[in-house]
C-alpha cells in the first residue's frame, strides 16, 4: 500500500474571482464521470488499473518534500551542467464523458493546471500518477497508455536566466566608463595588491528537507478515465473545472508542457471514451474479416 505522510501544509489561497466563478462543485462534475464497469470494459485490458485506491489510503494529506523523490542525471542536458539533477514527475489528464477534461487550480499561480507531481521512490509510475490525480484533483479512475515523455525547463530557471540577461544588458554609467588619463611624463607605479583571504572551495548545498536545485523536469502523464470524484480530498482548497479539450488547450497555452500533452492526447483521437480492450479489438478485427468474406 502507498503510505501518505501526514504533514502540515499551508492552505492554498485563491484570490482570482474569475477562477472562482469558472469553478464547478462536485455535484456538477459527477454527471460526467464514467461508470466503473464501462471504464473497465472499454480500457485497454493489458493496462487496465485503478489509478488510486482511496479507501485503503484514506488520509486527507499529501506527500510533502522531495527527499524521497526520484531524480535523474542527464550528461547531455541543455545547460551543460552535468551535476544538476533532473526532477522526474508524473501525473494525469483526467478525462470525462464527452471528451471533457478536468483541470485543477494551481497552488502558486492564478492558473488552471493538470494534476502532476514528483515520482516517489516507493511507487511505480502508475501509482505515482494516480496518487497525484487524487491528491490534487480528487479523482480516481482507469489509467490508459502513457503519453510521450516531455522534458521542459522550469519557470524559475527561465526567470533566473532572464534576470541575468537583463543585468548583462544594463548599460554602465558614463562616469564609470570614462578612462582615467595619466598626467604627461609620469610613470605608472604598481600599487601593492590588497591582502587576500584564503579562498573557500565551492560546494553545492541542498535546501532543507532534502530538496535539490534543479532547472529541468521530465514529465510523463497518463490519460485517466474518471470513474469517481471526491467531495473531500487531500488538497481540497484547489478549485476544479471541466471544459472541452480544445478549451483546455487554450487555457494551458502558457504551460507548454501541459498543452503538448493535451495535443498528444487529441492526436490519439480516443479521448471521447476509453480505448477499446484487446479482446474488443480482436473481435472488431474478426468481424471485419467476416464482413469482407461475406
Protein backbone atom coordinates (compact mmCIF):
# COMPACT_ATOMS: atom_id res chain seq x y z
CA UNK A 1 0.00 0.00 0.00
CA UNK A 2 1.07 3.55 -0.65
CA UNK A 3 1.78 5.39 2.59
CA UNK A 4 0.67 9.01 2.67
CA UNK A 5 2.75 11.04 5.09
CA UNK A 6 0.63 13.22 7.31
CA UNK A 7 2.26 16.63 7.26
CA UNK A 8 1.14 20.19 7.73
CA UNK A 9 0.65 22.18 4.57
CA UNK A 10 -0.07 25.87 4.15
CA UNK A 11 -3.60 26.48 2.85
CA UNK A 12 -3.90 27.25 -0.82
CA UNK A 13 -5.26 30.76 -1.30
CA UNK A 14 -7.17 31.58 -4.47
CA UNK A 15 -7.56 35.30 -4.91
CA UNK A 16 -8.75 35.36 -8.52
CA UNK A 17 -12.52 35.86 -8.57
CA UNK A 18 -12.85 34.86 -12.23
CA UNK A 19 -11.42 31.40 -11.41
CA UNK A 20 -13.90 31.01 -8.58
CA UNK A 21 -16.74 31.85 -10.96
CA UNK A 22 -15.47 29.32 -13.52
CA UNK A 23 -15.04 26.53 -10.96
CA UNK A 24 -17.53 23.66 -10.61
CA UNK A 25 -18.59 21.81 -7.50
CA UNK A 26 -18.57 18.05 -7.04
CA UNK A 27 -22.26 17.55 -7.82
CA UNK A 28 -21.83 19.27 -11.19
CA UNK A 29 -18.81 17.17 -12.17
CA UNK A 30 -20.36 13.84 -11.06
CA UNK A 31 -22.66 13.91 -14.10
CA UNK A 32 -19.68 13.47 -16.41
CA UNK A 33 -17.82 10.53 -14.77
CA UNK A 34 -17.62 7.11 -16.43
CA UNK A 35 -19.22 4.12 -14.78
CA UNK A 36 -16.60 1.77 -13.37
CA UNK A 37 -17.87 -1.19 -15.39
CA UNK A 38 -17.84 0.80 -18.63
CA UNK A 39 -14.33 2.09 -17.99
CA UNK A 40 -13.02 -1.41 -17.20
CA UNK A 41 -14.73 -2.83 -20.27
CA UNK A 42 -13.53 -0.13 -22.65
CA UNK A 43 -9.99 0.48 -21.37
CA UNK A 44 -7.01 -1.45 -22.75
CA UNK A 45 -7.07 -4.75 -20.86
CA UNK A 46 -3.28 -5.05 -20.51
CA UNK A 47 -3.05 -1.57 -18.99
CA UNK A 48 -6.29 -1.51 -17.01
CA UNK A 49 -5.51 -0.37 -13.48
CA UNK A 50 -7.33 1.60 -10.85
CA UNK A 51 -5.42 4.83 -10.54
CA UNK A 52 -5.61 5.01 -6.76
CA UNK A 53 -7.39 3.13 -4.02
CA UNK A 54 -8.58 5.96 -1.81
CA UNK A 55 -10.36 3.53 0.53
CA UNK A 56 -7.06 1.90 1.54
CA UNK A 57 -5.30 5.29 1.61
CA UNK A 58 -7.92 7.48 3.24
CA UNK A 59 -5.72 10.09 4.92
CA UNK A 60 -6.59 13.55 3.68
CA UNK A 61 -2.99 14.74 3.40
CA UNK A 62 -0.47 14.92 0.58
CA UNK A 63 3.11 13.78 0.44
CA UNK A 64 5.45 16.66 1.13
CA UNK A 65 9.11 17.40 0.37
CA UNK A 66 11.40 15.98 -2.29
CA UNK A 67 13.85 13.97 -0.18
CA UNK A 68 12.32 10.64 -1.28
CA UNK A 69 11.57 11.56 -4.87
CA UNK A 70 13.29 10.25 -7.98
CA UNK A 71 15.94 12.25 -9.82
CA UNK A 72 17.93 11.66 -12.97
CA UNK A 73 21.30 12.99 -14.11
CA UNK A 74 21.47 13.88 -17.79
CA UNK A 75 25.04 14.19 -19.09
CA UNK A 76 23.78 15.82 -22.26
CA UNK A 77 21.44 18.41 -20.79
CA UNK A 78 20.92 21.79 -22.42
CA UNK A 79 22.77 23.75 -19.76
CA UNK A 80 25.94 21.61 -19.96
CA UNK A 81 25.72 21.23 -16.18
CA UNK A 82 26.45 17.56 -15.61
CA UNK A 83 25.94 17.75 -11.85
CA UNK A 84 22.46 19.25 -11.78
CA UNK A 85 19.67 16.68 -11.34
CA UNK A 86 16.51 16.45 -13.42
CA UNK A 87 13.29 16.00 -11.47
CA UNK A 88 11.07 13.10 -12.55
CA UNK A 89 7.38 13.98 -12.49
CA UNK A 90 4.20 12.01 -13.17
CA UNK A 91 0.54 12.93 -13.40
CA UNK A 92 -2.73 12.52 -15.28
CA UNK A 93 -5.01 14.08 -17.82
CA UNK A 94 -8.43 13.49 -16.17
CA UNK A 95 -10.91 12.64 -18.93
CA UNK A 96 -14.69 12.78 -18.50
CA UNK A 97 -17.59 11.79 -20.75
CA UNK A 98 -17.90 13.69 -23.99
CA UNK A 99 -14.18 14.29 -24.29
CA UNK A 100 -14.18 16.79 -21.45
CA UNK A 101 -11.02 17.50 -19.44
CA UNK A 102 -10.92 18.24 -15.71
CA UNK A 103 -8.50 20.98 -14.65
CA UNK A 104 -7.38 21.97 -11.15
CA UNK A 105 -6.22 25.35 -9.94
CA UNK A 106 -2.52 25.91 -9.34
CA UNK A 107 -1.32 26.29 -5.76
CA UNK A 108 1.14 29.07 -6.63
CA UNK A 109 -0.22 30.83 -9.72
CA UNK A 110 -3.60 32.04 -10.91
CA UNK A 111 -3.65 29.27 -13.49
CA UNK A 112 -5.51 26.11 -14.37
CA UNK A 113 -3.29 23.02 -14.50
CA UNK A 114 -3.29 19.25 -14.85
CA UNK A 115 -2.53 17.24 -11.69
CA UNK A 116 1.12 16.21 -11.51
CA UNK A 117 3.97 15.94 -9.01
CA UNK A 118 7.19 14.21 -8.01
CA UNK A 119 7.61 10.47 -8.52
CA UNK A 120 8.39 8.84 -5.15
CA UNK A 121 10.96 6.05 -4.72
CA UNK A 122 8.46 3.56 -3.29
CA UNK A 123 5.96 3.85 -6.15
CA UNK A 124 5.53 2.51 -9.64
CA UNK A 125 4.99 5.20 -12.23
CA UNK A 126 1.28 4.28 -12.43
CA UNK A 127 0.85 4.53 -8.66
CA UNK A 128 2.55 7.93 -8.65
CA UNK A 129 0.36 9.28 -11.46
CA UNK A 130 -2.82 8.04 -9.79
CA UNK A 131 -1.82 9.44 -6.40
CA UNK A 132 -1.15 12.88 -7.86
CA UNK A 133 -4.55 12.89 -9.58
CA UNK A 134 -6.26 12.04 -6.30
CA UNK A 135 -4.24 14.41 -4.12
CA UNK A 136 -4.55 17.46 -6.36
CA UNK A 137 -7.88 16.91 -8.14
CA UNK A 138 -9.73 14.34 -6.02
CA UNK A 139 -10.38 11.98 -8.95
CA UNK A 140 -10.00 8.21 -9.33
CA UNK A 141 -10.33 6.15 -12.47
CA UNK A 142 -8.73 3.88 -15.05
CA UNK A 143 -5.31 4.71 -16.47
CA UNK A 144 -4.73 4.49 -20.21
CA UNK A 145 -1.43 4.13 -22.03
CA UNK A 146 1.07 6.84 -21.03
CA UNK A 147 1.54 9.89 -23.21
CA UNK A 148 5.01 10.70 -24.60
CA UNK A 149 7.54 11.94 -22.06
CA UNK A 150 8.12 15.69 -22.07
CA UNK A 151 11.27 17.45 -20.91
CA UNK A 152 10.91 21.11 -20.03
CA UNK A 153 12.69 23.90 -18.23
CA UNK A 154 11.14 25.21 -15.01
CA UNK A 155 9.70 28.69 -14.75
CA UNK A 156 12.18 29.59 -12.03
CA UNK A 157 15.09 28.65 -14.25
CA UNK A 158 13.72 30.72 -17.13
CA UNK A 159 13.20 33.70 -14.84
CA UNK A 160 16.75 33.40 -13.49
CA UNK A 161 18.16 33.42 -17.00
CA UNK A 162 16.00 36.40 -17.93
CA UNK A 163 17.26 38.39 -14.95
CA UNK A 164 20.88 37.53 -15.71
CA UNK A 165 20.39 38.59 -19.32
CA UNK A 166 18.80 41.88 -18.30
CA UNK A 167 21.62 42.54 -15.84
CA UNK A 168 24.24 41.87 -18.52
CA UNK A 169 22.49 44.27 -20.91
CA UNK A 170 22.20 47.08 -18.37
CA UNK A 171 24.48 49.93 -19.60
CA UNK A 172 27.30 51.02 -17.30
CA UNK A 173 27.04 54.67 -16.09
CA UNK A 174 29.12 57.05 -18.26
CA UNK A 175 31.21 58.19 -15.31
CA UNK A 176 32.39 54.63 -14.76
CA UNK A 177 33.25 54.19 -18.44
CA UNK A 178 35.50 57.27 -18.73
CA UNK A 179 39.15 56.17 -18.60
CA UNK A 180 41.44 57.88 -16.12
CA UNK A 181 44.30 59.57 -18.05
CA UNK A 182 47.75 59.81 -16.51
CA UNK A 183 49.48 63.21 -16.37
CA UNK A 184 52.15 63.61 -19.06
CA UNK A 185 55.71 62.45 -18.33
CA UNK A 186 54.69 60.36 -15.35
CA UNK A 187 55.46 56.77 -14.73
CA UNK A 188 52.82 54.30 -13.72
CA UNK A 189 53.58 52.77 -10.39
CA UNK A 190 52.31 49.37 -9.50
CA UNK A 191 50.18 49.56 -6.39
CA UNK A 192 50.62 46.83 -3.83
CA UNK A 193 47.89 44.23 -4.00
CA UNK A 194 45.48 44.13 -1.07
CA UNK A 195 45.86 41.14 1.20
CA UNK A 196 43.85 38.17 0.01
CA UNK A 197 41.81 35.93 2.22
CA UNK A 198 42.04 32.19 1.72
CA UNK A 199 39.60 31.03 -0.97
CA UNK A 200 36.81 28.70 0.01
CA UNK A 201 36.07 25.68 -2.10
CA UNK A 202 32.80 25.90 -3.99
CA UNK A 203 30.28 23.48 -2.57
CA UNK A 204 26.77 22.58 -3.61
CA UNK A 205 24.24 22.63 -0.88
CA UNK A 206 20.72 21.28 -0.98
CA UNK A 207 17.84 23.23 0.53
CA UNK A 208 16.19 21.89 3.70
CA UNK A 209 14.20 18.64 3.64
CA UNK A 210 16.48 17.13 1.02
CA UNK A 211 15.14 19.24 -1.86
CA UNK A 212 17.57 19.81 -4.70
CA UNK A 213 18.37 22.70 -7.01
CA UNK A 214 17.16 21.84 -10.48
CA UNK A 215 16.27 23.56 -13.74
CA UNK A 216 14.80 20.73 -15.81
CA UNK A 217 11.91 18.30 -15.42
CA UNK A 218 10.96 15.09 -17.21
CA UNK A 219 7.20 14.58 -17.08
CA UNK A 220 5.10 11.54 -18.00
CA UNK A 221 1.30 11.93 -17.95
CA UNK A 222 -1.35 9.22 -18.24
CA UNK A 223 -4.89 9.55 -19.60
CA UNK A 224 -7.21 8.98 -16.64
CA UNK A 225 -10.79 7.93 -17.40
CA UNK A 226 -12.51 9.25 -14.29
CA UNK A 227 -14.92 6.89 -12.52
CA UNK A 228 -15.14 8.63 -9.15
CA UNK A 229 -14.80 12.16 -7.85
CA UNK A 230 -14.44 13.04 -4.18
CA UNK A 231 -16.00 15.98 -2.37
CA UNK A 232 -13.08 15.95 0.09
CA UNK A 233 -9.54 15.18 -0.98
CA UNK A 234 -6.02 15.99 0.30
CA UNK A 235 -5.82 19.36 -1.46
CA UNK A 236 -9.47 20.36 -1.28
CA UNK A 237 -8.54 24.04 -1.34
CA UNK A 238 -7.95 23.71 -5.07
CA UNK A 239 -10.71 24.61 -7.49
CA UNK A 240 -11.87 22.28 -10.26
CA UNK A 241 -13.23 22.99 -13.71
CA UNK A 242 -14.47 20.81 -16.59
CA UNK A 243 -14.03 22.01 -20.18
CA UNK A 244 -13.83 20.57 -23.72
CA UNK A 245 -10.33 19.52 -24.75
CA UNK A 246 -9.91 22.44 -27.19
CA UNK A 247 -10.77 24.89 -24.42
CA UNK A 248 -8.30 23.14 -22.10
CA UNK A 249 -5.57 23.52 -24.73
CA UNK A 250 -6.27 27.26 -24.91
CA UNK A 251 -6.32 27.66 -21.13
CA UNK A 252 -2.97 25.90 -20.82
CA UNK A 253 -1.28 27.92 -23.55
CA UNK A 254 1.17 29.44 -21.04
CA UNK A 255 2.13 25.96 -19.77
CA UNK A 256 3.59 24.36 -22.88
CA UNK A 257 4.30 21.05 -21.15
CA UNK A 258 0.58 20.61 -20.38
CA UNK A 259 -0.53 21.94 -23.75
CA UNK A 260 1.75 19.49 -25.57
CA UNK A 261 0.35 16.58 -23.55
CA UNK A 262 -3.20 17.55 -24.47
CA UNK A 263 -2.26 17.86 -28.14
CA UNK A 264 -0.71 14.37 -27.98
CA UNK A 265 -3.90 13.05 -26.39
CA UNK A 266 -6.08 14.72 -29.02
CA UNK A 267 -3.95 13.22 -31.77
CA UNK A 268 -4.78 9.75 -30.45
CA UNK A 269 -8.46 10.57 -31.03
CA UNK A 270 -9.60 8.35 -28.15
CA UNK A 271 -10.26 10.99 -25.52
CA UNK A 272 -14.03 10.85 -26.03
CA UNK A 273 -14.10 7.44 -24.35
CA UNK A 274 -11.53 4.96 -23.07
CA UNK A 275 -9.76 2.98 -25.82
CA UNK A 276 -11.14 -0.48 -26.64
CA UNK A 277 -9.73 -3.51 -24.83
CA UNK A 278 -7.56 -6.08 -26.57
CA UNK A 279 -10.47 -8.53 -26.66
CA UNK A 280 -12.71 -5.92 -28.27
CA UNK A 281 -10.02 -5.08 -30.83
CA UNK A 282 -9.71 -8.77 -31.74
CA UNK A 283 -13.48 -9.07 -32.02
CA UNK A 284 -13.65 -5.96 -34.22
CA UNK A 285 -10.92 -7.35 -36.48
CA UNK A 286 -12.71 -10.72 -36.66
CA UNK A 287 -15.99 -9.01 -37.52
CA UNK A 288 -14.25 -7.00 -40.22
CA UNK A 289 -12.73 -10.15 -41.76
CA UNK A 290 -16.08 -11.96 -41.68
CA UNK A 291 -17.75 -8.95 -43.26
CA UNK A 292 -15.20 -8.86 -46.09
CA UNK A 293 -15.61 -12.59 -46.62
CA UNK A 294 -19.35 -12.27 -46.96
